Every structure is written in structure tokens, then in C-alpha cells.
Amino acid sequence: MLSAVAVSMLLGGCSASVEVGSTPKLSAGKLADLLAEKLASTTGRPKPDISCPEDLAGKIGTTTRCKLTGDDGSTLGVAVTVTSVKNGQINFDFKADDAASPATN
């Protein structure tokens, strides 16, 4: 399984988009799931544990920080930024932090 440190190299520079209803807002759970799916498809491994603290508003420049927890318990921050919104579709880029935090005992 991947550690959060290994994942940091894989998330850098990726982007994704999602289609939402008439309200341009992406739930925290759906955002975490999309990030996990993107990583799983990139690595060919099971979806990692990612959590996001808040919904992502569909406004250009809006940001949030999600957290990826590696199999070894280490954590890695993931910055998410809305790049465009058109017809209810929120497009965003995401990038992992350069370094992971070690597992807590």
C-alpha cells in the first residue's frame, strides 16, 4: 500500500471536474471521493482515505484543504482550488503538500 509520502508525488499537478445541480457547490464527502478516485485511477491501487472539512463553493479562487491519511498513519495535506465554473460544473485543481506529517502514536 502507498504511504502518504509516496502519494505526494502522485497528486502534484492533477486536476478534476464534477457536474453538480443548479447550485454550484460540491459536498465535502463528494470532493474527498473524487480526489480518492483520481488517485486510485492514477496508481492502480485501492482508493486512499481522504477527508475534506467543508463543502467546496463553486466560485473561482475558492480553496479548501483536505487530508490524506496513508496506510502507515502519516497524513498529507491536499490543497484544492476552484479554477472555473460553467453551467453548474465546478472545475478544480489539487496539489499535495511537499511533506507528510508522521503518524501519531
Protein backbone atom coordinates (compact mmCIF):
# COMPACT_ATOMS: atom_id res chain seq x y z
CA MET A 1 0.00 0.00 0.00
CA LEU A 2 1.03 3.59 -0.54
CA SER A 3 2.21 5.81 2.24
CA ALA A 4 1.20 9.45 2.31
CA VAL A 5 4.76 10.38 1.37
CA ALA A 6 4.62 8.30 -1.82
CA VAL A 7 1.25 9.78 -2.69
CA SER A 8 2.56 13.34 -2.56
CA MET A 9 4.44 12.78 -5.78
CA LEU A 10 1.35 11.38 -7.50
CA LEU A 11 -1.08 14.16 -6.65
CA GLY A 12 1.01 17.11 -7.77
CA GLY A 13 -0.40 18.95 -10.76
CA CYS A 14 -3.57 16.91 -11.24
CA SER A 15 -7.00 18.33 -11.94
CA ALA A 16 -10.57 17.07 -12.00
CA SER A 17 -14.09 18.32 -12.52
CA VAL A 18 -17.56 17.39 -11.38
CA GLU A 19 -21.05 18.06 -12.63
CA VAL A 20 -23.40 19.36 -9.94
CA GLY A 21 -27.01 20.50 -9.87
CA SER A 22 -28.19 24.08 -10.26
CA THR A 23 -26.32 25.15 -7.12
CA PRO A 24 -22.58 25.32 -7.75
CA LYS A 25 -21.48 23.54 -4.60
CA LEU A 26 -19.65 20.26 -4.08
CA SER A 27 -20.14 18.42 -0.79
CA ALA A 28 -17.09 17.65 1.32
CA GLY A 29 -17.78 13.92 1.01
CA LYS A 30 -18.09 14.01 -2.77
CA LEU A 31 -14.93 16.10 -3.08
CA ALA A 32 -13.00 13.58 -0.95
CA ASP A 33 -14.39 10.72 -3.04
CA LEU A 34 -13.39 12.42 -6.31
CA LEU A 35 -9.86 13.01 -5.05
CA ALA A 36 -9.59 9.38 -3.91
CA GLU A 37 -10.93 8.10 -7.25
CA LYS A 38 -8.44 10.22 -9.19
CA LEU A 39 -5.56 8.92 -7.10
CA ALA A 40 -6.73 5.29 -7.38
CA SER A 41 -7.01 5.56 -11.16
CA THR A 42 -3.54 7.11 -11.37
CA THR A 43 -1.85 4.48 -9.18
CA GLY A 44 -3.94 1.40 -9.96
CA ARG A 45 -4.37 0.86 -6.20
CA PRO A 46 -7.44 0.96 -3.93
CA LYS A 47 -8.88 4.35 -3.08
CA PRO A 48 -6.97 6.04 -0.25
CA ASP A 49 -8.52 7.56 2.86
CA ILE A 50 -9.16 11.24 2.12
CA SER A 51 -11.32 13.62 4.15
CA CYS A 52 -12.34 17.21 3.45
CA PRO A 53 -13.61 19.51 6.22
CA GLU A 54 -16.11 21.55 4.22
CA ASP A 55 -18.12 21.80 1.03
CA LEU A 56 -16.42 23.42 -1.95
CA ALA A 57 -18.28 26.50 -3.20
CA GLY A 58 -18.36 26.94 -6.97
CA LYS A 59 -16.62 30.30 -7.10
CA ILE A 60 -13.32 30.79 -8.93
CA GLY A 61 -10.45 31.02 -6.46
CA THR A 62 -12.29 29.27 -3.62
CA THR A 63 -9.94 26.96 -1.73
CA THR A 64 -10.16 24.20 0.84
CA ARG A 65 -7.67 21.81 2.41
CA CYS A 66 -8.30 18.09 2.52
CA LYS A 67 -6.29 15.44 4.35
CA LEU A 68 -5.00 12.14 3.01
CA THR A 69 -4.16 9.50 5.60
CA GLY A 70 -1.64 6.91 4.42
CA ASP A 71 -1.61 3.22 5.30
CA ASP A 72 1.22 3.92 7.74
CA GLY A 73 -0.87 6.55 9.58
CA SER A 74 1.02 9.53 8.20
CA THR A 75 -1.05 12.41 6.86
CA LEU A 76 -0.66 14.69 3.90
CA GLY A 77 -2.47 17.95 3.23
CA VAL A 78 -4.11 18.44 -0.16
CA ALA A 79 -4.90 21.98 -1.37
CA VAL A 80 -7.94 22.27 -3.64
CA THR A 81 -8.66 25.42 -5.70
CA VAL A 82 -11.66 26.12 -7.94
CA THR A 83 -10.37 27.08 -11.39
CA SER A 84 -13.64 27.63 -13.25
CA VAL A 85 -17.40 27.20 -13.00
CA LYS A 86 -19.65 26.87 -16.02
CA ASN A 87 -23.24 25.62 -16.26
CA GLY A 88 -23.07 24.06 -12.80
CA GLN A 89 -19.77 22.31 -13.46
CA ILE A 90 -17.05 23.03 -10.92
CA ASN A 91 -13.51 22.53 -12.19
CA PHE A 92 -10.70 22.42 -9.67
CA ASP A 93 -7.01 21.68 -9.37
CA PHE A 94 -5.47 19.95 -6.39
CA LYS A 95 -1.93 19.55 -5.12
CA ALA A 96 -0.49 17.63 -2.22
CA ASP A 97 1.86 19.24 0.26
CA ASP A 98 5.56 18.57 -0.26
CA ALA A 99 5.94 16.68 3.03
CA ALA A 100 3.76 14.36 5.11
CA SER A 101 3.23 14.55 8.85
CA PRO A 102 4.31 11.38 10.65
CA ALA A 103 1.76 9.05 12.23
CA THR A 104 0.71 9.89 15.76
CA ASN A 105 1.15 7.16 18.36
